[in-house]
């Protein structure tokens, strides 16, 4: 996982790329995590995405920390496999 962006504190963002920059992972990682969690609808139920499509930054930061503890550094596994 790369170093998180130290931009002003935002509670919500509308783009996966903006969320990825804030928590220090790639946009593809965010997309993969959404799929791993069961899709957008499951993320809404979990409180990670609002019903209006905004991403809850605090929830995603917590999830990224959990994944890091489990050994997921936020890198894209398809990139390392392609080399």
C-alpha atoms as a PDB file:
ATOM      1  CA  UNK A   1       0.000   0.000   0.000  1.00  0.00           C
ATOM      2  CA  UNK A   2       1.398   3.413  -0.885  1.00  0.00           C
ATOM      3  CA  UNK A   3       1.450   6.355   1.484  1.00  0.00           C
ATOM      4  CA  UNK A   4      -2.010   7.896   1.887  1.00  0.00           C
ATOM      5  CA  UNK A   5      -2.548  11.389   0.532  1.00  0.00           C
ATOM      6  CA  UNK A   6      -2.541  14.002   3.282  1.00  0.00           C
ATOM      7  CA  UNK A   7      -5.233  16.186   1.700  1.00  0.00           C
ATOM      8  CA  UNK A   8      -7.906  17.950   3.742  1.00  0.00           C
ATOM      9  CA  UNK A   9     -10.228  15.578   5.553  1.00  0.00           C
ATOM     10  CA  UNK A  10     -13.201  14.571   3.418  1.00  0.00           C
ATOM     11  CA  UNK A  11     -16.065  12.442   4.675  1.00  0.00           C
ATOM     12  CA  UNK A  12     -17.299  11.438   1.216  1.00  0.00           C
ATOM     13  CA  UNK A  13     -15.942  11.313  -2.330  1.00  0.00           C
ATOM     14  CA  UNK A  14     -17.682  10.567  -5.603  1.00  0.00           C
ATOM     15  CA  UNK A  15     -14.885   8.904  -7.594  1.00  0.00           C
ATOM     16  CA  UNK A  16     -12.979   5.693  -6.969  1.00  0.00           C
ATOM     17  CA  UNK A  17      -9.770   7.384  -8.124  1.00  0.00           C
ATOM     18  CA  UNK A  18     -10.182  10.132  -5.507  1.00  0.00           C
ATOM     19  CA  UNK A  19     -10.869   7.536  -2.798  1.00  0.00           C
ATOM     20  CA  UNK A  20      -7.820   5.548  -3.895  1.00  0.00           C
ATOM     21  CA  UNK A  21      -5.594   8.634  -3.663  1.00  0.00           C
ATOM     22  CA  UNK A  22      -6.842   9.403  -0.163  1.00  0.00           C
ATOM     23  CA  UNK A  23      -6.267   5.918   1.249  1.00  0.00           C
ATOM     24  CA  UNK A  24      -3.096   5.173  -0.725  1.00  0.00           C
ATOM     25  CA  UNK A  25      -4.111   2.354  -3.075  1.00  0.00           C
ATOM     26  CA  UNK A  26      -4.870   2.116  -6.784  1.00  0.00           C
ATOM     27  CA  UNK A  27      -8.300   2.664  -8.298  1.00  0.00           C
ATOM     28  CA  UNK A  28      -8.219  -0.943  -9.504  1.00  0.00           C
ATOM     29  CA  UNK A  29      -7.748  -2.063  -5.894  1.00  0.00           C
ATOM     30  CA  UNK A  30     -10.916  -0.191  -4.879  1.00  0.00           C
ATOM     31  CA  UNK A  31     -12.763  -1.871  -7.741  1.00  0.00           C
ATOM     32  CA  UNK A  32     -11.404  -5.299  -6.711  1.00  0.00           C
ATOM     33  CA  UNK A  33     -12.372  -4.751  -3.090  1.00  0.00           C
ATOM     34  CA  UNK A  34     -15.922  -3.810  -4.097  1.00  0.00           C
ATOM     35  CA  UNK A  35     -16.137  -7.056  -6.058  1.00  0.00           C
ATOM     36  CA  UNK A  36     -14.644  -9.031  -3.128  1.00  0.00           C
ATOM     37  CA  UNK A  37     -17.287  -7.569  -0.806  1.00  0.00           C
ATOM     38  CA  UNK A  38     -20.127  -8.676  -3.081  1.00  0.00           C
ATOM     39  CA  UNK A  39     -20.641  -5.655  -5.309  1.00  0.00           C
ATOM     40  CA  UNK A  40     -21.961  -2.133  -4.930  1.00  0.00           C
ATOM     41  CA  UNK A  41     -25.247  -3.212  -3.333  1.00  0.00           C
ATOM     42  CA  UNK A  42     -23.377  -5.103  -0.608  1.00  0.00           C
ATOM     43  CA  UNK A  43     -21.134  -2.082  -0.009  1.00  0.00           C
ATOM     44  CA  UNK A  44     -24.232   0.109   0.384  1.00  0.00           C
ATOM     45  CA  UNK A  45     -25.606  -2.356   2.928  1.00  0.00           C
ATOM     46  CA  UNK A  46     -22.257  -2.345   4.765  1.00  0.00           C
ATOM     47  CA  UNK A  47     -22.253   1.466   4.857  1.00  0.00           C
ATOM     48  CA  UNK A  48     -19.182   1.843   2.657  1.00  0.00           C
ATOM     49  CA  UNK A  49     -21.052   3.462  -0.222  1.00  0.00           C
ATOM     50  CA  UNK A  50     -24.001   5.808   0.268  1.00  0.00           C
ATOM     51  CA  UNK A  51     -27.199   5.195  -1.690  1.00  0.00           C
ATOM     52  CA  UNK A  52     -26.397   8.299  -3.751  1.00  0.00           C
ATOM     53  CA  UNK A  53     -23.115   6.715  -4.912  1.00  0.00           C
ATOM     54  CA  UNK A  54     -20.695   8.592  -2.648  1.00  0.00           C
ATOM     55  CA  UNK A  55     -17.902   6.573  -1.039  1.00  0.00           C
ATOM     56  CA  UNK A  56     -17.576   6.823   2.770  1.00  0.00           C
ATOM     57  CA  UNK A  57     -13.888   7.650   3.286  1.00  0.00           C
ATOM     58  CA  UNK A  58     -13.716   6.592   6.957  1.00  0.00           C
ATOM     59  CA  UNK A  59     -15.210   3.167   6.192  1.00  0.00           C
ATOM     60  CA  UNK A  60     -12.820   2.586   3.297  1.00  0.00           C
ATOM     61  CA  UNK A  61      -9.796   3.664   5.360  1.00  0.00           C
ATOM     62  CA  UNK A  62     -10.785   1.149   8.038  1.00  0.00           C
ATOM     63  CA  UNK A  63     -11.237  -1.566   5.408  1.00  0.00           C
ATOM     64  CA  UNK A  64      -7.842  -0.768   3.858  1.00  0.00           C
ATOM     65  CA  UNK A  65      -6.209  -1.069   7.300  1.00  0.00           C
ATOM     66  CA  UNK A  66      -7.919  -4.409   7.859  1.00  0.00           C
ATOM     67  CA  UNK A  67      -6.735  -5.677   4.478  1.00  0.00           C
ATOM     68  CA  UNK A  68      -3.185  -4.488   5.245  1.00  0.00           C
ATOM     69  CA  UNK A  69      -3.234  -6.434   8.523  1.00  0.00           C
ATOM     70  CA  UNK A  70      -4.252  -9.508   6.525  1.00  0.00           C
ATOM     71  CA  UNK A  71      -1.305  -9.032   4.160  1.00  0.00           C
ATOM     72  CA  UNK A  72      -3.063  -7.278   1.248  1.00  0.00           C
ATOM     73  CA  UNK A  73      -0.804  -4.353   0.376  1.00  0.00           C
ATOM     74  CA  UNK A  74      -3.361  -2.843  -2.013  1.00  0.00           C
ATOM     75  CA  UNK A  75      -1.396  -3.718  -5.115  1.00  0.00           C
ATOM     76  CA  UNK A  76      -3.084  -5.155  -8.167  1.00  0.00           C
ATOM     77  CA  UNK A  77      -2.338  -8.904  -8.379  1.00  0.00           C
ATOM     78  CA  UNK A  78      -2.874  -8.932 -12.146  1.00  0.00           C
ATOM     79  CA  UNK A  79       0.001  -6.467 -12.603  1.00  0.00           C
ATOM     80  CA  UNK A  80       2.541  -8.603 -10.744  1.00  0.00           C
ATOM     81  CA  UNK A  81       1.346 -11.776 -12.517  1.00  0.00           C
ATOM     82  CA  UNK A  82       1.763 -10.160 -15.936  1.00  0.00           C
ATOM     83  CA  UNK A  83       5.480  -9.478 -15.427  1.00  0.00           C
END
